[in-house]
Amino acid sequence: SIGLDGTVQARTVVLRRVDIEAKRLLFYTDRRSPKVLELKATPVASLVFWSRRLSWQIRARVSIRILEAGPVVDSAWASVVQSPSAADYLSSSPPGSVLPAPAVAPETPAVLDASQPLDLLGGPHQLAVVCADVLSIDWLELSRAGHRRALLTNEVPQWLVP
């Protein structure tokens, strides 16, 4: 993605869901994260994947929408609240905040009870869902017999020189 200062930003994210029919990839973030403002300002990105098993390199060009409320976010939170990572989205401080002492992980329950009040760690959850709608895929298969590459869009796939 592109930072607010115009520089290229690279991040590792966890792909949470794939909607094949909608050509959409979803991942989660904290709504207070700097990447949310960056993606709202320039709502395009490239996502890079590698499959060791298939020997595929994939670069997906995507358009981005940030969902901060609604049924998609509610469903995402319902799955996250049952995991240790729920504490990240309940923190009173945004991601990247400076800690006043050496970083020691605070004691948090291994699994949060969805029926408990959400102010356990500072207030309502801050989870947002990033929807990445695929515009094109640059696919490269690496093979000892010869590499193959294609550009996949809504049009006819184009074979490219690897």
Protein backbone atom coordinates (compact mmCIF):
# COMPACT_ATOMS: atom_id res chain seq x y z
CA SER A 1 0.00 0.00 0.00
CA ILE A 2 1.00 3.67 -0.05
CA GLY A 3 1.72 5.56 3.17
CA LEU A 4 0.40 9.03 3.88
CA ASP A 5 3.92 10.30 3.15
CA GLY A 6 3.86 8.68 -0.31
CA THR A 7 6.23 5.83 0.54
CA VAL A 8 5.50 2.19 -0.21
CA GLN A 9 4.33 0.24 2.84
CA ALA A 10 4.72 -3.53 3.15
CA ARG A 11 2.98 -5.53 5.86
CA THR A 12 2.36 -9.16 6.65
CA VAL A 13 -1.32 -9.89 7.17
CA VAL A 14 -3.30 -13.03 7.93
CA LEU A 15 -5.74 -13.90 5.17
CA ARG A 16 -8.96 -14.61 7.07
CA ARG A 17 -11.44 -15.39 4.32
CA VAL A 18 -11.70 -15.76 0.57
CA ASP A 19 -14.96 -15.08 -1.26
CA ILE A 20 -14.36 -16.64 -4.67
CA GLU A 21 -17.62 -15.47 -6.24
CA ALA A 22 -17.08 -11.86 -5.18
CA LYS A 23 -13.32 -12.08 -5.95
CA ARG A 24 -12.67 -10.72 -2.47
CA LEU A 25 -10.01 -11.37 0.16
CA LEU A 26 -10.59 -10.37 3.79
CA PHE A 27 -8.22 -9.69 6.63
CA TYR A 28 -8.54 -7.95 9.99
CA THR A 29 -6.87 -4.91 11.50
CA ASP A 30 -7.28 -2.51 14.38
CA ARG A 31 -9.33 0.47 13.16
CA ARG A 32 -6.80 2.78 14.90
CA SER A 33 -3.86 1.36 12.93
CA PRO A 34 -2.04 3.85 10.66
CA LYS A 35 -2.70 1.51 7.72
CA VAL A 36 -6.43 2.26 7.98
CA LEU A 37 -5.89 5.96 7.23
CA GLU A 38 -3.38 5.07 4.52
CA LEU A 39 -5.75 2.62 2.83
CA LYS A 40 -8.64 5.07 3.04
CA ALA A 41 -6.49 7.77 1.43
CA THR A 42 -5.21 5.45 -1.33
CA PRO A 43 -7.54 2.43 -1.45
CA VAL A 44 -5.38 0.18 -3.61
CA ALA A 45 -2.69 -2.34 -2.71
CA SER A 46 -0.75 -5.33 -3.95
CA LEU A 47 -0.87 -8.61 -2.05
CA VAL A 48 1.88 -11.16 -2.58
CA PHE A 49 1.50 -14.89 -1.97
CA TRP A 50 3.83 -17.89 -2.32
CA SER A 51 2.77 -21.54 -2.41
CA ARG A 52 5.70 -23.82 -1.81
CA ARG A 53 3.58 -26.89 -2.57
CA LEU A 54 2.50 -25.54 -5.97
CA SER A 55 5.64 -23.46 -6.66
CA TRP A 56 3.39 -20.50 -7.42
CA GLN A 57 4.08 -16.82 -6.91
CA ILE A 58 0.94 -14.70 -6.97
CA ARG A 59 0.64 -10.93 -6.93
CA ALA A 60 -2.92 -9.65 -6.62
CA ARG A 61 -3.73 -6.02 -7.38
CA VAL A 62 -6.70 -5.08 -5.19
CA SER A 63 -9.02 -2.22 -4.34
CA ILE A 64 -9.63 -1.77 -0.63
CA ARG A 65 -12.65 -1.02 1.55
CA ILE A 66 -12.44 -0.79 5.33
CA LEU A 67 -15.48 -2.04 7.23
CA GLU A 68 -15.65 -0.69 10.79
CA ALA A 69 -19.19 -1.77 11.69
CA GLY A 70 -21.98 -4.00 10.45
CA PRO A 71 -22.68 -7.71 10.07
CA VAL A 72 -19.31 -8.60 8.49
CA VAL A 73 -17.44 -6.97 11.38
CA ASP A 74 -19.81 -8.52 13.94
CA SER A 75 -19.19 -11.97 12.46
CA ALA A 76 -15.43 -11.40 12.43
CA TRP A 77 -15.48 -10.25 16.05
CA ALA A 78 -17.52 -13.29 17.08
CA SER A 79 -14.70 -15.52 15.80
CA VAL A 80 -11.86 -13.37 17.20
CA VAL A 81 -13.34 -12.90 20.68
CA GLN A 82 -12.79 -16.60 21.32
CA SER A 83 -9.04 -16.32 20.69
CA PRO A 84 -6.08 -14.81 22.54
CA SER A 85 -5.75 -12.16 19.80
CA ALA A 86 -9.00 -10.55 21.04
CA ALA A 87 -6.89 -8.68 23.60
CA ASP A 88 -5.15 -6.83 20.74
CA TYR A 89 -8.47 -5.36 19.60
CA LEU A 90 -9.53 -4.47 23.16
CA SER A 91 -6.38 -2.58 24.09
CA SER A 92 -6.86 1.01 25.23
CA SER A 93 -3.78 1.98 23.17
CA PRO A 94 -3.58 1.89 19.38
CA PRO A 95 -1.10 -0.36 17.54
CA GLY A 96 2.44 0.98 17.55
CA SER A 97 2.00 2.96 20.77
CA VAL A 98 5.17 3.28 22.83
CA LEU A 99 5.14 1.22 26.01
CA PRO A 100 6.35 3.00 29.17
CA ALA A 101 8.47 0.00 30.27
CA PRO A 102 10.20 -2.94 28.63
CA ALA A 103 7.66 -4.91 26.61
CA VAL A 104 6.22 -7.55 28.87
CA ALA A 105 3.03 -9.16 27.69
CA PRO A 106 0.22 -8.37 30.12
CA GLU A 107 -1.66 -11.24 31.64
CA THR A 108 -4.80 -11.82 29.57
CA PRO A 109 -7.19 -14.72 29.53
CA ALA A 110 -6.35 -17.31 26.88
CA VAL A 111 -9.92 -17.13 25.59
CA LEU A 112 -12.36 -14.32 26.26
CA ASP A 113 -15.97 -15.03 27.06
CA ALA A 114 -18.17 -13.33 24.45
CA SER A 115 -20.82 -12.77 27.13
CA GLN A 116 -18.46 -10.62 29.24
CA PRO A 117 -18.55 -6.84 28.90
CA LEU A 118 -16.17 -5.67 26.19
CA ASP A 119 -14.48 -3.09 28.41
CA LEU A 120 -12.13 -5.69 29.92
CA LEU A 121 -9.06 -3.97 28.47
CA GLY A 122 -10.20 -0.45 27.78
CA GLY A 123 -13.46 -0.29 25.85
CA PRO A 124 -15.30 -1.73 22.89
CA HIS A 125 -13.33 -3.73 20.36
CA GLN A 126 -11.39 -1.92 17.64
CA LEU A 127 -11.52 -4.67 15.01
CA ALA A 128 -12.06 -3.62 11.42
CA VAL A 129 -12.32 -5.85 8.36
CA VAL A 130 -10.27 -5.01 5.29
CA CYS A 131 -12.02 -6.09 2.09
CA ALA A 132 -9.63 -6.46 -0.81
CA ASP A 133 -11.47 -6.79 -4.11
CA VAL A 134 -9.19 -8.46 -6.66
CA LEU A 135 -8.66 -6.40 -9.82
CA SER A 136 -5.99 -8.61 -11.38
CA ILE A 137 -3.66 -11.48 -10.56
CA ASP A 138 -0.13 -11.87 -11.90
CA TRP A 139 0.45 -15.63 -11.62
CA LEU A 140 3.89 -17.25 -11.96
CA GLU A 141 4.53 -20.97 -11.79
CA LEU A 142 8.14 -21.96 -11.20
CA SER A 143 9.11 -25.31 -12.70
CA ARG A 144 12.31 -27.04 -13.73
CA ALA A 145 10.54 -27.89 -16.98
CA GLY A 146 10.00 -24.18 -17.62
CA HIS A 147 8.26 -21.32 -15.88
CA ARG A 148 4.79 -20.13 -16.86
CA ARG A 149 3.23 -16.74 -16.20
CA ALA A 150 -0.20 -15.25 -16.83
CA LEU A 151 -2.10 -12.06 -16.12
CA LEU A 152 -5.60 -12.89 -14.92
CA THR A 153 -8.30 -10.22 -15.09
CA ASN A 154 -12.03 -10.18 -15.85
CA GLU A 155 -11.00 -10.35 -19.50
CA VAL A 156 -9.34 -13.28 -21.25
CA PRO A 157 -6.18 -14.43 -19.42
CA GLN A 158 -2.98 -13.23 -21.06
CA TRP A 159 0.06 -15.45 -21.15
CA LEU A 160 3.22 -13.49 -20.35
CA VAL A 161 6.94 -14.06 -20.64
CA PRO A 162 8.10 -15.24 -17.18
